[in-house]
């Protein structure tokens, strides 16, 4: 896709051992004015593939728990970006040509807000989990450089005080592209962070870490009803959202998210027992 004049748009891809995904992702970003891969010390061929496809690669490995919000803020501040607009894309995601056109149009608008939200089309075993994932579920992905910053740790969002628009064309999210072992490893990390957030909320009743008002309502309820989270998650996704209409794959998909909540619940119980000096 050619582009002359107008606002410049850069794309940032955060990676760690993404050789399975990175080529597909980067080829979908060939229209961007600059593409930067921020790598967390991959040990596979991720960076070699990125270099071959013309992306600029910088390395930044976080100490301790990996937080997406912090990595995105680091990229905005230290990755040497020069474009007016920055699009954040995960390595297991693809930007279709129609969405790229809409992004160009919105960024060229002199009345554009500080940021735009995009909605993923989540694919699992070749099927679109449209109802299970409550499409469109909006994510803060396209931002004016120098105007915004992220917060929220694992479940990142923009800090308050910025104007945000929405672009309805979906991007594609292949969240299971590296298989169940990879999904499980990631959600083990997420559940540890989630359990700490729940414990902090139960101790202080301070909902600050839960983010925006929409997130605040659902996550505060999830913290108060933490023992029931696995069951509630499955019932909401599979029955409440009519996820069963997404096909037979949806049953396994919803079980996975119930498993994630079960891991969170068990970690909360373990933390409470340790505090009380009880055996695990």
Protein backbone atom coordinates (compact mmCIF):
# COMPACT_ATOMS: atom_id res chain seq x y z
CA UNK A 1 0.00 0.00 0.00
CA UNK A 2 1.57 3.27 -1.07
CA UNK A 3 1.15 6.52 0.85
CA UNK A 4 2.34 9.98 0.01
CA UNK A 5 1.98 12.88 2.40
CA UNK A 6 -0.25 12.79 5.42
CA UNK A 7 0.60 11.61 8.90
CA UNK A 8 3.43 9.14 9.40
CA UNK A 9 2.52 5.82 11.03
CA UNK A 10 4.91 3.43 12.73
CA UNK A 11 4.20 -0.07 13.98
CA UNK A 12 5.66 -1.67 17.10
CA UNK A 13 5.64 -5.43 17.60
CA UNK A 14 6.55 -6.87 21.02
CA UNK A 15 8.17 -10.30 20.73
CA UNK A 16 9.60 -13.22 22.68
CA UNK A 17 10.30 -16.41 20.70
CA UNK A 18 7.78 -15.65 17.96
CA UNK A 19 9.38 -17.33 14.94
CA UNK A 20 6.06 -19.10 14.26
CA UNK A 21 4.18 -15.80 13.94
CA UNK A 22 6.51 -12.94 13.17
CA UNK A 23 6.71 -13.22 9.37
CA UNK A 24 2.92 -13.26 8.93
CA UNK A 25 2.62 -10.28 11.27
CA UNK A 26 5.36 -8.18 9.66
CA UNK A 27 4.15 -8.81 6.11
CA UNK A 28 0.78 -7.36 7.15
CA UNK A 29 2.62 -4.17 8.23
CA UNK A 30 4.50 -3.53 5.00
CA UNK A 31 2.43 -0.35 4.49
CA UNK A 32 3.73 1.30 7.69
CA UNK A 33 6.35 4.06 7.50
CA UNK A 34 8.51 2.34 10.12
CA UNK A 35 8.32 -1.06 11.78
CA UNK A 36 10.14 -1.71 15.06
CA UNK A 37 10.34 -5.07 16.81
CA UNK A 38 10.94 -4.73 20.56
CA UNK A 39 12.30 -8.13 21.52
CA UNK A 40 12.58 -9.60 25.02
CA UNK A 41 15.75 -11.66 24.33
CA UNK A 42 14.30 -14.31 22.03
CA UNK A 43 16.32 -17.53 21.71
CA UNK A 44 14.75 -18.69 18.42
CA UNK A 45 14.89 -17.11 14.94
CA UNK A 46 12.49 -14.24 15.67
CA UNK A 47 15.01 -11.43 15.29
CA UNK A 48 16.67 -13.00 12.24
CA UNK A 49 13.31 -13.13 10.46
CA UNK A 50 12.51 -9.58 11.52
CA UNK A 51 15.83 -8.28 10.16
CA UNK A 52 15.31 -10.17 6.90
CA UNK A 53 11.90 -8.53 6.43
CA UNK A 54 13.30 -5.04 6.98
CA UNK A 55 12.13 -4.33 10.53
CA UNK A 56 14.36 -2.50 12.97
CA UNK A 57 15.00 -4.64 16.05
CA UNK A 58 15.73 -3.36 19.55
CA UNK A 59 16.05 -5.50 22.66
CA UNK A 60 14.57 -4.73 26.04
CA UNK A 61 14.16 -7.43 28.66
CA UNK A 62 12.18 -6.53 31.76
CA UNK A 63 13.27 -7.55 35.23
CA UNK A 64 10.71 -9.58 37.17
CA UNK A 65 7.15 -10.04 35.91
CA UNK A 66 6.68 -9.10 32.25
CA UNK A 67 4.14 -6.28 32.02
CA UNK A 68 2.82 -5.33 28.59
CA UNK A 69 2.00 -1.77 29.67
CA UNK A 70 5.58 -1.17 30.79
CA UNK A 71 7.02 -2.64 27.59
CA UNK A 72 4.83 -0.43 25.43
CA UNK A 73 5.79 2.65 27.43
CA UNK A 74 9.45 1.72 27.05
CA UNK A 75 8.98 1.43 23.29
CA UNK A 76 7.34 4.86 23.11
CA UNK A 77 10.15 6.47 25.10
CA UNK A 78 13.30 4.56 24.16
CA UNK A 79 12.89 2.67 20.86
CA UNK A 80 13.83 5.65 18.69
CA UNK A 81 10.40 5.99 17.08
CA UNK A 82 9.93 8.95 14.75
CA UNK A 83 6.38 8.52 13.40
CA UNK A 84 3.53 10.75 14.52
CA UNK A 85 1.27 7.76 15.13
CA UNK A 86 2.26 4.39 16.63
CA UNK A 87 0.29 1.18 16.07
CA UNK A 88 0.91 -1.59 18.60
CA UNK A 89 0.53 -5.08 17.17
CA UNK A 90 1.26 -8.41 18.86
CA UNK A 91 3.27 -10.97 16.92
CA UNK A 92 0.28 -13.32 16.70
CA UNK A 93 -1.86 -10.62 15.08
CA UNK A 94 -2.41 -9.49 11.49
CA UNK A 95 -3.58 -6.13 10.13
CA UNK A 96 -5.78 -6.74 7.04
CA UNK A 97 -5.50 -4.33 4.13
CA UNK A 98 -8.96 -2.87 4.75
CA UNK A 99 -8.04 -1.97 8.32
CA UNK A 100 -4.74 -0.48 7.17
CA UNK A 101 -6.66 1.81 4.81
CA UNK A 102 -8.99 2.92 7.59
CA UNK A 103 -6.01 3.58 9.88
CA UNK A 104 -4.43 5.80 7.23
CA UNK A 105 -7.68 7.72 6.78
CA UNK A 106 -8.16 8.31 10.50
CA UNK A 107 -4.57 9.34 11.14
CA UNK A 108 -4.71 11.84 8.26
CA UNK A 109 -7.77 13.49 9.80
CA UNK A 110 -6.72 16.83 11.32
CA UNK A 111 -9.47 16.41 13.94
CA UNK A 112 -8.29 12.96 15.03
CA UNK A 113 -8.26 12.18 18.77
CA UNK A 114 -5.18 11.20 20.79
CA UNK A 115 -5.70 7.47 20.27
CA UNK A 116 -7.88 4.84 18.65
CA UNK A 117 -9.21 1.53 19.86
CA UNK A 118 -9.26 -1.51 17.59
CA UNK A 119 -11.22 -4.76 17.92
CA UNK A 120 -9.72 -8.24 17.42
CA UNK A 121 -11.26 -11.06 15.45
CA UNK A 122 -10.09 -13.91 17.71
CA UNK A 123 -9.44 -17.16 15.83
CA UNK A 124 -9.24 -20.54 17.58
CA UNK A 125 -8.70 -23.77 15.64
CA UNK A 126 -9.76 -21.89 12.50
CA UNK A 127 -13.04 -20.60 13.95
CA UNK A 128 -13.94 -17.04 14.90
CA UNK A 129 -14.84 -16.90 18.60
CA UNK A 130 -17.12 -13.94 17.94
CA UNK A 131 -19.62 -14.46 20.75
CA UNK A 132 -17.25 -16.05 23.27
CA UNK A 133 -15.00 -12.97 23.12
CA UNK A 134 -17.92 -10.54 22.90
CA UNK A 135 -16.92 -8.91 19.62
CA UNK A 136 -16.22 -6.05 19.35
CA UNK A 137 -14.03 -5.94 22.46
CA UNK A 138 -12.05 -2.73 22.16
CA UNK A 139 -8.31 -2.45 22.80
CA UNK A 140 -6.13 0.67 22.92
CA UNK A 141 -3.71 0.12 20.04
CA UNK A 142 -3.17 3.23 17.88
CA UNK A 143 -1.74 6.28 19.65
CA UNK A 144 -0.23 9.67 18.95
CA UNK A 145 3.41 9.57 20.00
CA UNK A 146 4.10 11.93 22.90
CA UNK A 147 0.44 12.25 23.89
CA UNK A 148 -0.31 9.03 25.76
CA UNK A 149 1.06 6.40 28.12
CA UNK A 150 -0.12 2.96 29.17
CA UNK A 151 -0.93 1.51 32.58
CA UNK A 152 -2.58 -1.63 33.91
CA UNK A 153 0.26 -4.15 33.87
CA UNK A 154 -0.83 -7.29 32.02
CA UNK A 155 -4.27 -6.00 30.97
CA UNK A 156 -2.98 -2.73 29.58
CA UNK A 157 -4.99 0.41 28.81
CA UNK A 158 -4.32 4.11 28.30
CA UNK A 159 -3.95 6.43 31.24
CA UNK A 160 -6.92 8.77 31.77
CA UNK A 161 -7.12 12.22 30.24
CA UNK A 162 -6.80 11.42 26.53
CA UNK A 163 -9.40 11.45 23.77
CA UNK A 164 -10.06 8.05 22.19
CA UNK A 165 -11.87 7.05 19.01
CA UNK A 166 -12.70 3.65 17.53
CA UNK A 167 -11.99 2.02 14.17
CA UNK A 168 -14.53 -0.76 13.54
CA UNK A 169 -12.67 -2.94 11.00
CA UNK A 170 -11.17 -5.89 12.94
CA UNK A 171 -7.62 -7.14 13.08
CA UNK A 172 -6.95 -10.87 13.21
CA UNK A 173 -5.71 -12.49 16.41
CA UNK A 174 -4.25 -16.01 16.23
CA UNK A 175 -4.02 -16.42 20.00
CA UNK A 176 -3.52 -20.19 19.89
CA UNK A 177 -0.91 -20.16 17.11
CA UNK A 178 1.83 -21.70 19.30
CA UNK A 179 -0.40 -24.34 20.83
CA UNK A 180 -1.72 -25.18 24.26
CA UNK A 181 1.64 -25.34 26.06
CA UNK A 182 2.42 -21.75 25.09
CA UNK A 183 -1.10 -20.59 26.00
CA UNK A 184 -0.80 -22.29 29.39
CA UNK A 185 2.63 -20.83 30.14
CA UNK A 186 1.39 -17.31 29.39
CA UNK A 187 -1.74 -17.69 31.47
CA UNK A 188 0.20 -19.10 34.40
CA UNK A 189 2.00 -15.75 34.44
CA UNK A 190 -1.22 -13.80 33.96
CA UNK A 191 -2.94 -15.68 36.79
CA UNK A 192 -0.12 -14.85 39.21
CA UNK A 193 -0.50 -11.15 38.42
CA UNK A 194 -4.30 -11.40 38.55
CA UNK A 195 -4.20 -13.12 41.95
CA UNK A 196 -2.02 -10.33 43.36
CA UNK A 197 -4.45 -7.70 42.07
CA UNK A 198 -7.39 -9.51 43.70
CA UNK A 199 -5.54 -9.85 47.02
CA UNK A 200 -4.55 -6.16 46.96
CA UNK A 201 -8.16 -5.20 46.31
CA UNK A 202 -9.51 -7.45 49.07
CA UNK A 203 -6.94 -6.00 51.50
CA UNK A 204 -7.44 -2.33 50.66
CA UNK A 205 -10.71 -2.08 48.68
CA UNK A 206 -8.76 0.23 46.38
CA UNK A 207 -9.87 -0.49 42.80
CA UNK A 208 -7.20 1.69 41.17
CA UNK A 209 -5.37 -1.21 39.52
CA UNK A 210 -8.53 -2.29 37.69
CA UNK A 211 -8.28 0.49 35.10
CA UNK A 212 -11.16 2.14 33.26
CA UNK A 213 -14.72 2.41 34.55
CA UNK A 214 -15.89 -0.45 32.30
CA UNK A 215 -13.04 -2.65 33.52
CA UNK A 216 -13.58 -1.49 37.10
CA UNK A 217 -17.12 -2.83 37.32
CA UNK A 218 -16.36 -6.30 35.96
CA UNK A 219 -13.03 -6.79 37.70
CA UNK A 220 -14.23 -5.51 41.06
CA UNK A 221 -17.12 -7.99 40.86
CA UNK A 222 -14.68 -10.74 39.88
CA UNK A 223 -12.52 -9.88 42.90
CA UNK A 224 -15.45 -10.05 45.30
CA UNK A 225 -16.70 -13.33 43.82
CA UNK A 226 -13.23 -14.79 43.33
CA UNK A 227 -14.16 -18.30 44.55
CA UNK A 228 -16.81 -18.63 41.82
CA UNK A 229 -14.74 -17.25 38.97
CA UNK A 230 -14.08 -20.52 37.06
CA UNK A 231 -17.76 -21.48 36.99
CA UNK A 232 -18.97 -17.96 36.26
CA UNK A 233 -16.43 -17.50 33.47
CA UNK A 234 -17.59 -20.63 31.66
CA UNK A 235 -21.28 -19.88 32.11
CA UNK A 236 -20.92 -16.28 30.94
CA UNK A 237 -18.80 -17.10 27.88
CA UNK A 238 -20.52 -20.30 26.75
CA UNK A 239 -24.14 -19.64 27.73
CA UNK A 240 -24.53 -15.96 28.62
CA UNK A 241 -22.83 -14.75 25.44
CA UNK A 242 -24.20 -17.73 23.48
CA UNK A 243 -20.68 -18.84 22.73
CA UNK A 244 -21.98 -22.28 21.85
CA UNK A 245 -23.09 -20.73 18.54
CA UNK A 246 -19.42 -20.23 17.63
CA UNK A 247 -19.14 -23.96 16.94
CA UNK A 248 -17.88 -27.07 18.77
CA UNK A 249 -14.46 -25.43 19.21
CA UNK A 250 -16.08 -22.91 21.55
CA UNK A 251 -16.58 -25.51 24.29
CA UNK A 252 -12.83 -26.14 24.58
CA UNK A 253 -12.13 -22.43 24.23
CA UNK A 254 -14.39 -21.54 27.15
CA UNK A 255 -12.96 -24.37 29.26
CA UNK A 256 -9.53 -22.83 28.81
CA UNK A 257 -10.64 -19.54 30.27
CA UNK A 258 -12.32 -21.33 33.16
CA UNK A 259 -8.96 -23.04 33.72
CA UNK A 260 -7.26 -19.65 33.80
CA UNK A 261 -9.67 -18.49 36.51
CA UNK A 262 -9.15 -21.73 38.43
CA UNK A 263 -5.39 -21.06 38.47
CA UNK A 264 -6.07 -17.58 39.79
CA UNK A 265 -8.34 -18.92 42.54
CA UNK A 266 -5.82 -21.52 43.68
CA UNK A 267 -3.06 -18.91 43.84
CA UNK A 268 -5.25 -16.66 45.97
CA UNK A 269 -5.88 -19.57 48.35
CA UNK A 270 -2.18 -20.42 48.50
CA UNK A 271 -1.24 -16.81 49.25
CA UNK A 272 -3.82 -16.59 52.04
CA UNK A 273 -2.62 -19.84 53.59
CA UNK A 274 0.97 -18.65 53.53
CA UNK A 275 -0.04 -15.44 55.28
CA UNK A 276 -1.82 -17.45 57.97
CA UNK A 277 1.13 -19.81 58.42
CA UNK A 278 -0.87 -22.81 57.18
CA UNK A 279 0.59 -25.65 55.12
CA UNK A 280 -0.03 -25.86 51.38
